[in-house]
Amino acid sequence: MKLKKSMMENGIRYNKGKVKWSLVPFSALEGMVKVLEFGAEKYSIHNWKKGLPYTEVCESLMRHLFSFLEGEDIDNESGLHHKDHILANALFLSWLIENKPELDNRDVENNLSNKPVLYEHGK
């Protein structure tokens, strides 16, 4: 099909610096949405937006990650893939960091990664 000259001209858009949503493979997020649906039924819609301590979200993410790394694909409770639970927990954490900074309960005072480590030769 040949386009008429008037149909070949594109409109002008000023999109420089704007988020390129076309880079997201939305089909890869479908399982995460199923996890959100499972959570909405189990707890309530957007229950997680009420707020969860950061470490609780991280612990859930880690449990799913470790189960996956140990060769388990499907979560026993939900019947959904662990990768999708990992994505959901990462989404929760990202949203909470942006919207609920008061729930940051990481132990930063005792976290060795925040302190300089001095190494002595031979030890």
C-alpha atoms as a PDB file:
ATOM      1  CA  MET A   1       0.000   0.000   0.000  1.00  0.00           C
ATOM      2  CA  LYS A   2       1.392   3.327  -1.061  1.00  0.00           C
ATOM      3  CA  LEU A   3       0.871   6.244   1.292  1.00  0.00           C
ATOM      4  CA  LYS A   4      -0.281   9.567  -0.021  1.00  0.00           C
ATOM      5  CA  LYS A   5       2.236  12.364   0.432  1.00  0.00           C
ATOM      6  CA  SER A   6       0.083  14.030   3.091  1.00  0.00           C
ATOM      7  CA  MET A   7      -0.030  10.763   5.092  1.00  0.00           C
ATOM      8  CA  MET A   8       3.772  10.370   4.995  1.00  0.00           C
ATOM      9  CA  GLU A   9       4.462  13.597   6.828  1.00  0.00           C
ATOM     10  CA  ASN A  10       4.814  13.193  10.572  1.00  0.00           C
ATOM     11  CA  GLY A  11       3.642  15.617  13.185  1.00  0.00           C
ATOM     12  CA  ILE A  12       6.170  17.314  15.428  1.00  0.00           C
ATOM     13  CA  ARG A  13       6.803  15.991  18.926  1.00  0.00           C
ATOM     14  CA  TYR A  14       9.271  17.308  21.487  1.00  0.00           C
ATOM     15  CA  ASN A  15      10.123  14.127  23.387  1.00  0.00           C
ATOM     16  CA  LYS A  16      13.779  14.668  24.216  1.00  0.00           C
ATOM     17  CA  GLY A  17      14.405  13.796  27.857  1.00  0.00           C
ATOM     18  CA  LYS A  18      11.014  12.109  28.297  1.00  0.00           C
ATOM     19  CA  VAL A  19      10.623   8.526  29.471  1.00  0.00           C
ATOM     20  CA  LYS A  20      10.647   6.005  26.611  1.00  0.00           C
ATOM     21  CA  TRP A  21       7.977   3.541  27.686  1.00  0.00           C
ATOM     22  CA  SER A  22       8.422   1.695  24.395  1.00  0.00           C
ATOM     23  CA  LEU A  23      11.632   0.203  25.867  1.00  0.00           C
ATOM     24  CA  VAL A  24       9.628  -1.815  28.415  1.00  0.00           C
ATOM     25  CA  PRO A  25       8.759  -5.376  27.328  1.00  0.00           C
ATOM     26  CA  PHE A  26       5.268  -5.318  28.836  1.00  0.00           C
ATOM     27  CA  SER A  27       4.686  -9.025  28.208  1.00  0.00           C
ATOM     28  CA  ALA A  28       7.482  -9.729  30.721  1.00  0.00           C
ATOM     29  CA  LEU A  29       5.409  -7.923  33.368  1.00  0.00           C
ATOM     30  CA  GLU A  30       2.228  -9.976  32.930  1.00  0.00           C
ATOM     31  CA  GLY A  31       3.225 -12.482  35.618  1.00  0.00           C
ATOM     32  CA  MET A  32       3.969  -9.651  38.035  1.00  0.00           C
ATOM     33  CA  VAL A  33       0.460  -8.305  37.455  1.00  0.00           C
ATOM     34  CA  LYS A  34      -0.886 -11.778  38.328  1.00  0.00           C
ATOM     35  CA  VAL A  35       1.079 -11.583  41.598  1.00  0.00           C
ATOM     36  CA  LEU A  36      -0.528  -8.179  42.246  1.00  0.00           C
ATOM     37  CA  GLU A  37      -3.946  -9.717  41.567  1.00  0.00           C
ATOM     38  CA  PHE A  38      -3.163 -12.580  43.961  1.00  0.00           C
ATOM     39  CA  GLY A  39      -2.143 -10.071  46.637  1.00  0.00           C
ATOM     40  CA  ALA A  40      -5.234  -7.942  46.044  1.00  0.00           C
ATOM     41  CA  GLU A  41      -7.419 -10.984  46.630  1.00  0.00           C
ATOM     42  CA  LYS A  42      -5.435 -12.209  49.653  1.00  0.00           C
ATOM     43  CA  TYR A  43      -5.096  -8.819  51.391  1.00  0.00           C
ATOM     44  CA  SER A  44      -6.851  -6.007  49.493  1.00  0.00           C
ATOM     45  CA  ILE A  45      -6.209  -3.897  46.418  1.00  0.00           C
ATOM     46  CA  HIS A  46      -3.108  -1.745  46.916  1.00  0.00           C
ATOM     47  CA  ASN A  47      -2.655  -3.038  50.467  1.00  0.00           C
ATOM     48  CA  TRP A  48       1.114  -2.681  50.037  1.00  0.00           C
ATOM     49  CA  LYS A  49       0.697   1.060  49.383  1.00  0.00           C
ATOM     50  CA  LYS A  50      -0.435   1.487  52.987  1.00  0.00           C
ATOM     51  CA  GLY A  51       3.199   0.885  53.759  1.00  0.00           C
ATOM     52  CA  LEU A  52       5.557  -1.910  54.636  1.00  0.00           C
ATOM     53  CA  PRO A  53       8.951  -1.639  56.289  1.00  0.00           C
ATOM     54  CA  TYR A  54      11.667  -1.803  53.643  1.00  0.00           C
ATOM     55  CA  THR A  55      13.286  -4.852  55.210  1.00  0.00           C
ATOM     56  CA  GLU A  56      10.037  -6.867  55.093  1.00  0.00           C
ATOM     57  CA  VAL A  57       9.789  -6.260  51.363  1.00  0.00           C
ATOM     58  CA  CYS A  58      13.470  -7.138  50.917  1.00  0.00           C
ATOM     59  CA  GLU A  59      13.053 -10.325  52.955  1.00  0.00           C
ATOM     60  CA  SER A  60      10.156 -11.434  50.746  1.00  0.00           C
ATOM     61  CA  LEU A  61      12.151 -10.585  47.634  1.00  0.00           C
ATOM     62  CA  MET A  62      15.113 -12.572  48.963  1.00  0.00           C
ATOM     63  CA  ARG A  63      12.982 -15.622  49.862  1.00  0.00           C
ATOM     64  CA  HIS A  64      11.663 -15.744  46.295  1.00  0.00           C
ATOM     65  CA  LEU A  65      15.118 -15.125  44.854  1.00  0.00           C
ATOM     66  CA  PHE A  66      16.717 -17.876  46.951  1.00  0.00           C
ATOM     67  CA  SER A  67      13.915 -20.322  46.099  1.00  0.00           C
ATOM     68  CA  PHE A  68      14.499 -19.565  42.435  1.00  0.00           C
ATOM     69  CA  LEU A  69      18.281 -19.930  42.775  1.00  0.00           C
ATOM     70  CA  GLU A  70      17.749 -23.300  44.459  1.00  0.00           C
ATOM     71  CA  GLY A  71      15.895 -24.502  41.358  1.00  0.00           C
ATOM     72  CA  GLU A  72      12.294 -23.897  42.392  1.00  0.00           C
ATOM     73  CA  ASP A  73      10.295 -22.020  39.761  1.00  0.00           C
ATOM     74  CA  ILE A  74       6.772 -21.953  41.171  1.00  0.00           C
ATOM     75  CA  ASP A  75       5.747 -20.499  44.538  1.00  0.00           C
ATOM     76  CA  ASN A  76       3.789 -23.097  46.529  1.00  0.00           C
ATOM     77  CA  GLU A  77       1.221 -20.680  47.966  1.00  0.00           C
ATOM     78  CA  SER A  78       0.289 -18.656  44.879  1.00  0.00           C
ATOM     79  CA  GLY A  79       1.132 -21.117  42.109  1.00  0.00           C
ATOM     80  CA  LEU A  80       2.911 -18.262  40.347  1.00  0.00           C
ATOM     81  CA  HIS A  81       6.527 -18.030  39.204  1.00  0.00           C
ATOM     82  CA  HIS A  82       9.081 -16.807  41.721  1.00  0.00           C
ATOM     83  CA  LYS A  83      10.469 -14.359  39.126  1.00  0.00           C
ATOM     84  CA  ASP A  84       7.120 -12.596  39.143  1.00  0.00           C
ATOM     85  CA  HIS A  85       7.115 -12.341  42.940  1.00  0.00           C
ATOM     86  CA  ILE A  86      10.648 -10.917  42.711  1.00  0.00           C
ATOM     87  CA  LEU A  87       9.442  -8.278  40.248  1.00  0.00           C
ATOM     88  CA  ALA A  88       6.442  -7.412  42.429  1.00  0.00           C
ATOM     89  CA  ASN A  89       8.623  -6.988  45.505  1.00  0.00           C
ATOM     90  CA  ALA A  90      11.082  -4.831  43.544  1.00  0.00           C
ATOM     91  CA  LEU A  91       8.129  -2.703  42.424  1.00  0.00           C
ATOM     92  CA  PHE A  92       6.921  -2.388  46.031  1.00  0.00           C
ATOM     93  CA  LEU A  93      10.364  -1.386  47.238  1.00  0.00           C
ATOM     94  CA  SER A  94      10.808   1.167  44.471  1.00  0.00           C
ATOM     95  CA  TRP A  95       7.414   2.728  45.205  1.00  0.00           C
ATOM     96  CA  LEU A  96       7.988   2.737  48.960  1.00  0.00           C
ATOM     97  CA  ILE A  97      11.383   4.435  48.579  1.00  0.00           C
ATOM     98  CA  GLU A  98       9.749   7.191  46.532  1.00  0.00           C
ATOM     99  CA  ASN A  99       6.604   7.554  48.630  1.00  0.00           C
ATOM    100  CA  LYS A 100       7.208   6.246  52.158  1.00  0.00           C
ATOM    101  CA  PRO A 101      10.766   7.147  53.218  1.00  0.00           C
ATOM    102  CA  GLU A 102       9.673   7.008  56.853  1.00  0.00           C
ATOM    103  CA  LEU A 103       9.410   3.207  56.530  1.00  0.00           C
ATOM    104  CA  ASP A 104      13.124   2.845  55.829  1.00  0.00           C
ATOM    105  CA  ASN A 105      14.141   0.520  58.641  1.00  0.00           C
ATOM    106  CA  ARG A 106      17.490  -0.602  57.301  1.00  0.00           C
ATOM    107  CA  ASP A 107      20.105  -0.972  60.015  1.00  0.00           C
ATOM    108  CA  VAL A 108      22.478   1.606  58.559  1.00  0.00           C
ATOM    109  CA  GLU A 109      24.237   2.345  61.849  1.00  0.00           C
ATOM    110  CA  ASN A 110      25.397  -1.252  62.209  1.00  0.00           C
ATOM    111  CA  ASN A 111      25.828  -1.951  58.525  1.00  0.00           C
ATOM    112  CA  LEU A 112      29.506  -2.562  57.857  1.00  0.00           C
ATOM    113  CA  SER A 113      29.152  -1.560  54.219  1.00  0.00           C
ATOM    114  CA  ASN A 114      28.692   2.056  55.356  1.00  0.00           C
ATOM    115  CA  LYS A 115      31.919   2.086  57.375  1.00  0.00           C
ATOM    116  CA  PRO A 116      35.420   2.307  55.984  1.00  0.00           C
ATOM    117  CA  VAL A 117      37.255  -0.973  56.184  1.00  0.00           C
ATOM    118  CA  LEU A 118      40.946  -0.846  56.967  1.00  0.00           C
ATOM    119  CA  TYR A 119      43.033  -3.754  55.787  1.00  0.00           C
ATOM    120  CA  GLU A 120      46.416  -4.490  57.212  1.00  0.00           C
ATOM    121  CA  HIS A 121      48.961  -6.303  55.101  1.00  0.00           C
ATOM    122  CA  GLY A 122      49.180  -9.981  56.014  1.00  0.00           C
ATOM    123  CA  LYS A 123      45.848 -10.243  57.810  1.00  0.00           C
END
